[in-house]
Amino acid sequence: MASRQKTITSSTAAAAEPLPADGATTPEPVVTPLTPTITHYQQLAAEFSAELDEISAIIPKLEAQHISTASFVRSHLNVPTEFLATVIAAVEQTEELQGVKKLDVPTARDTLQFIEAFRPVLDKVTAFARNLRYTMNSRKASLVADSLQIYYIAKGVARDPNSAQVESLVGNMKRDLRRRGPGKAVIAARKAAKAAVAAAASAPEEGAAS
């Protein structure tokens, strides 16, 4: 009972605590939001992407592939462009063909001019995409080769009873590798790791012999 009265008295005193002299309430502490660190390559990629959007806006009526039209487009691409030019010329020269109103000559010629002008651009963009993909894959492949060699070297070091820390790190690597069977990269890494260990082991002996 006494503790209950003490609690009530404390809460009443807190409620009756006077406000600041100016009548303002105590401001809540300002919480600074966390901002992720942007890497140099992320900044370059963002700048490139923004410029690419500006370049894309130059192309008139740029269409995005859609499932509802993809089949139609794919099934009409095996007709030679020369045939299209011949048909346009025939319609342009014949009133009977113009009368059926199946082909608008100015629109058709505009399409051929668009294709002719942007085909080299497409070739250049395709080559760039291929080179960018290969650059990414090549850099990853080099890192994979080095990382696998480190992994197999670390496995050899971890056999030493005094290398408990390395053994723990090897366990982390094995967990994230998630590889069941040996591939070509793994076999090559094993051979390179054995060669590196052998070279490191023979280096002191060669120095002593000299």
Protein backbone atom coordinates (compact mmCIF):
# COMPACT_ATOMS: atom_id res chain seq x y z
CA MET A 1 0.00 0.00 0.00
CA ALA A 2 2.82 2.35 0.92
CA SER A 3 4.64 1.62 -2.35
CA ARG A 4 1.42 2.30 -4.32
CA GLN A 5 1.00 5.67 -2.61
CA LYS A 6 4.65 6.45 -3.36
CA THR A 7 4.12 5.64 -7.06
CA ILE A 8 1.00 7.81 -7.25
CA THR A 9 2.82 10.68 -5.49
CA SER A 10 5.78 10.41 -7.90
CA SER A 11 3.56 10.40 -11.01
CA THR A 12 1.53 13.34 -9.65
CA ALA A 13 4.69 15.30 -8.99
CA ALA A 14 5.94 14.55 -12.50
CA ALA A 15 2.63 15.70 -13.99
CA ALA A 16 2.74 18.90 -11.95
CA GLU A 17 6.33 19.68 -12.97
CA PRO A 18 6.33 23.21 -14.38
CA LEU A 19 7.07 23.87 -18.05
CA PRO A 20 10.06 26.00 -19.09
CA ALA A 21 9.76 29.71 -18.39
CA ASP A 22 9.00 30.52 -22.06
CA GLY A 23 6.18 27.98 -22.13
CA ALA A 24 7.83 25.87 -24.85
CA THR A 25 8.06 22.12 -24.66
CA THR A 26 11.39 20.32 -24.61
CA PRO A 27 12.36 19.49 -28.23
CA GLU A 28 12.92 15.86 -29.13
CA PRO A 29 16.49 14.89 -30.03
CA VAL A 30 17.28 15.07 -33.73
CA VAL A 31 18.05 11.67 -35.24
CA THR A 32 20.45 11.85 -38.15
CA PRO A 33 19.41 9.38 -40.89
CA LEU A 34 21.98 6.84 -42.02
CA THR A 35 23.35 7.45 -45.51
CA PRO A 36 25.08 4.60 -47.35
CA THR A 37 28.56 5.26 -48.71
CA ILE A 38 28.59 5.60 -52.51
CA THR A 39 31.60 3.98 -54.16
CA HIS A 40 33.54 5.47 -57.05
CA TYR A 41 32.17 2.89 -59.50
CA GLN A 42 28.59 3.45 -58.30
CA GLN A 43 29.01 7.15 -58.99
CA LEU A 44 30.39 6.45 -62.47
CA ALA A 45 27.55 4.02 -63.18
CA ALA A 46 24.93 6.53 -62.02
CA GLU A 47 26.41 9.26 -64.23
CA PHE A 48 26.58 6.91 -67.22
CA SER A 49 23.01 5.74 -66.66
CA ALA A 50 21.74 9.33 -66.50
CA GLU A 51 23.53 10.22 -69.74
CA LEU A 52 22.20 7.05 -71.36
CA ASP A 53 18.66 8.12 -70.46
CA GLU A 54 19.27 11.47 -72.15
CA ILE A 55 20.61 9.75 -75.27
CA SER A 56 17.63 7.37 -75.35
CA ALA A 57 15.28 10.34 -75.33
CA ILE A 58 16.78 11.49 -78.65
CA ILE A 59 15.48 8.44 -80.51
CA PRO A 60 11.96 9.18 -81.78
CA LYS A 61 9.21 6.81 -80.64
CA LEU A 62 11.54 4.35 -78.93
CA GLU A 63 9.48 1.23 -78.20
CA ALA A 64 9.90 -1.18 -75.32
CA GLN A 65 9.50 -4.90 -76.03
CA HIS A 66 6.14 -6.23 -74.91
CA ILE A 67 4.82 -9.77 -74.83
CA SER A 68 1.66 -8.78 -76.73
CA THR A 69 3.63 -7.61 -79.80
CA ALA A 70 6.88 -9.61 -79.56
CA SER A 71 5.53 -12.58 -81.57
CA PHE A 72 4.28 -10.34 -84.39
CA VAL A 73 7.58 -8.48 -84.62
CA ARG A 74 9.67 -11.67 -84.53
CA SER A 75 7.63 -13.33 -87.29
CA HIS A 76 8.00 -10.38 -89.69
CA LEU A 77 11.77 -9.86 -89.61
CA ASN A 78 12.82 -12.43 -92.21
CA VAL A 79 11.76 -10.30 -95.22
CA PRO A 80 14.61 -8.51 -97.06
CA THR A 81 14.75 -4.72 -96.82
CA GLU A 82 15.23 -4.54 -100.60
CA PHE A 83 11.76 -6.06 -101.04
CA LEU A 84 10.28 -3.36 -98.82
CA ALA A 85 11.89 -0.62 -100.89
CA THR A 86 10.53 -2.19 -104.08
CA VAL A 87 7.00 -2.36 -102.66
CA ILE A 88 7.16 1.28 -101.60
CA ALA A 89 8.27 2.31 -105.06
CA ALA A 90 5.45 0.27 -106.64
CA VAL A 91 2.81 1.92 -104.46
CA GLU A 92 4.29 5.32 -105.13
CA GLN A 93 4.02 4.79 -108.90
CA THR A 94 0.60 3.13 -109.08
CA GLU A 95 -2.69 4.80 -108.31
CA GLU A 96 -4.46 1.45 -108.02
CA LEU A 97 -2.14 0.36 -105.21
CA GLN A 98 -2.47 3.72 -103.52
CA GLY A 99 -6.23 3.33 -103.64
CA VAL A 100 -6.30 0.25 -101.41
CA LYS A 101 -4.78 2.40 -98.63
CA LYS A 102 -2.72 -0.44 -97.21
CA LEU A 103 0.63 1.36 -97.21
CA ASP A 104 1.37 5.00 -96.53
CA VAL A 105 4.39 5.91 -98.64
CA PRO A 106 5.78 8.79 -96.49
CA THR A 107 5.51 6.67 -93.34
CA ALA A 108 7.07 3.67 -95.08
CA ARG A 109 10.01 5.71 -96.39
CA ASP A 110 10.46 7.23 -92.94
CA THR A 111 10.73 3.72 -91.49
CA LEU A 112 13.38 2.65 -94.01
CA GLN A 113 15.37 5.83 -93.36
CA PHE A 114 15.17 5.20 -89.61
CA ILE A 115 16.40 1.61 -89.97
CA GLU A 116 19.23 2.61 -92.30
CA ALA A 117 20.40 5.45 -90.05
CA PHE A 118 20.28 3.59 -86.74
CA ARG A 119 21.64 0.19 -87.83
CA PRO A 120 25.27 1.33 -87.30
CA VAL A 121 24.24 2.77 -83.94
CA LEU A 122 22.73 -0.57 -82.96
CA ASP A 123 25.93 -2.35 -83.99
CA LYS A 124 27.99 0.01 -81.83
CA VAL A 125 25.66 -0.29 -78.82
CA THR A 126 25.60 -4.09 -79.17
CA ALA A 127 29.39 -4.20 -79.32
CA PHE A 128 29.59 -1.96 -76.25
CA ALA A 129 27.18 -4.18 -74.31
CA ARG A 130 29.18 -7.26 -75.32
CA ASN A 131 32.47 -5.64 -74.28
CA LEU A 132 31.04 -4.38 -70.99
CA ARG A 133 29.71 -7.85 -70.16
CA TYR A 134 33.05 -9.43 -71.07
CA THR A 135 34.96 -6.89 -68.97
CA MET A 136 32.78 -7.69 -65.96
CA ASN A 137 33.15 -11.44 -66.52
CA SER A 138 36.90 -11.18 -67.09
CA ARG A 139 37.50 -9.21 -63.90
CA LYS A 140 35.35 -11.65 -61.94
CA ALA A 141 37.20 -14.63 -63.45
CA SER A 142 40.56 -13.20 -62.35
CA LEU A 143 39.23 -12.60 -58.84
CA VAL A 144 37.72 -16.10 -58.74
CA ALA A 145 41.04 -17.67 -59.72
CA ASP A 146 42.93 -15.76 -57.01
CA SER A 147 40.24 -16.43 -54.40
CA LEU A 148 40.14 -20.18 -55.09
CA GLN A 149 43.92 -20.39 -54.79
CA ILE A 150 43.75 -18.61 -51.44
CA TYR A 151 41.00 -21.02 -50.37
CA TYR A 152 43.02 -24.15 -51.14
CA ILE A 153 46.20 -22.68 -49.68
CA ALA A 154 44.26 -21.82 -46.52
CA LYS A 155 42.91 -25.39 -46.36
CA GLY A 156 46.48 -26.66 -46.34
CA VAL A 157 47.53 -24.16 -43.66
CA ALA A 158 44.47 -25.08 -41.55
CA ARG A 159 45.80 -28.64 -41.12
CA ASP A 160 48.35 -27.24 -38.70
CA PRO A 161 46.97 -27.59 -35.14
CA ASN A 162 48.34 -24.12 -34.35
CA SER A 163 46.21 -22.51 -37.10
CA ALA A 164 42.80 -22.63 -35.45
CA GLN A 165 41.92 -19.15 -36.74
CA VAL A 166 42.69 -20.14 -40.32
CA GLU A 167 40.56 -23.25 -39.91
CA SER A 168 37.63 -21.06 -38.85
CA LEU A 169 38.13 -18.81 -41.88
CA VAL A 170 38.26 -21.85 -44.16
CA GLY A 171 34.90 -22.91 -42.77
CA ASN A 172 33.45 -19.54 -43.68
CA MET A 173 34.86 -19.81 -47.21
CA LYS A 174 33.51 -23.33 -47.68
CA ARG A 175 30.07 -22.21 -46.47
CA ASP A 176 29.87 -19.40 -49.02
CA LEU A 177 31.46 -21.35 -51.89
CA ARG A 178 28.49 -23.76 -51.96
CA ARG A 179 30.20 -25.97 -54.52
CA ARG A 180 29.45 -29.71 -54.67
CA GLY A 181 31.59 -30.94 -57.52
CA PRO A 182 34.99 -29.81 -58.81
CA GLY A 183 34.80 -27.64 -61.92
CA LYS A 184 37.61 -26.57 -64.25
CA ALA A 185 38.28 -23.43 -62.23
CA VAL A 186 38.52 -25.44 -59.01
CA ILE A 187 40.90 -27.99 -60.53
CA ALA A 188 43.11 -25.22 -61.92
CA ALA A 189 43.06 -23.41 -58.57
CA ARG A 190 44.10 -26.59 -56.73
CA LYS A 191 47.06 -27.08 -59.05
CA ALA A 192 48.08 -23.42 -58.74
CA ALA A 193 47.74 -23.55 -54.96
CA LYS A 194 49.93 -26.66 -54.74
CA ALA A 195 52.52 -25.02 -56.97
CA ALA A 196 52.48 -21.86 -54.85
CA VAL A 197 52.89 -23.82 -51.62
CA ALA A 198 55.72 -25.88 -53.13
CA ALA A 199 57.48 -22.74 -54.36
CA ALA A 200 57.14 -21.09 -50.96
CA ALA A 201 58.48 -24.20 -49.21
CA SER A 202 61.48 -24.54 -51.50
CA ALA A 203 62.45 -20.86 -51.34
CA PRO A 204 64.21 -21.05 -47.91
CA GLU A 205 66.06 -24.22 -48.94
CA GLU A 206 67.35 -22.63 -52.15
CA GLY A 207 68.44 -19.58 -50.19
CA ALA A 208 70.29 -21.71 -47.66
CA ALA A 209 71.99 -23.71 -50.38
CA SER A 210 73.26 -20.60 -52.11
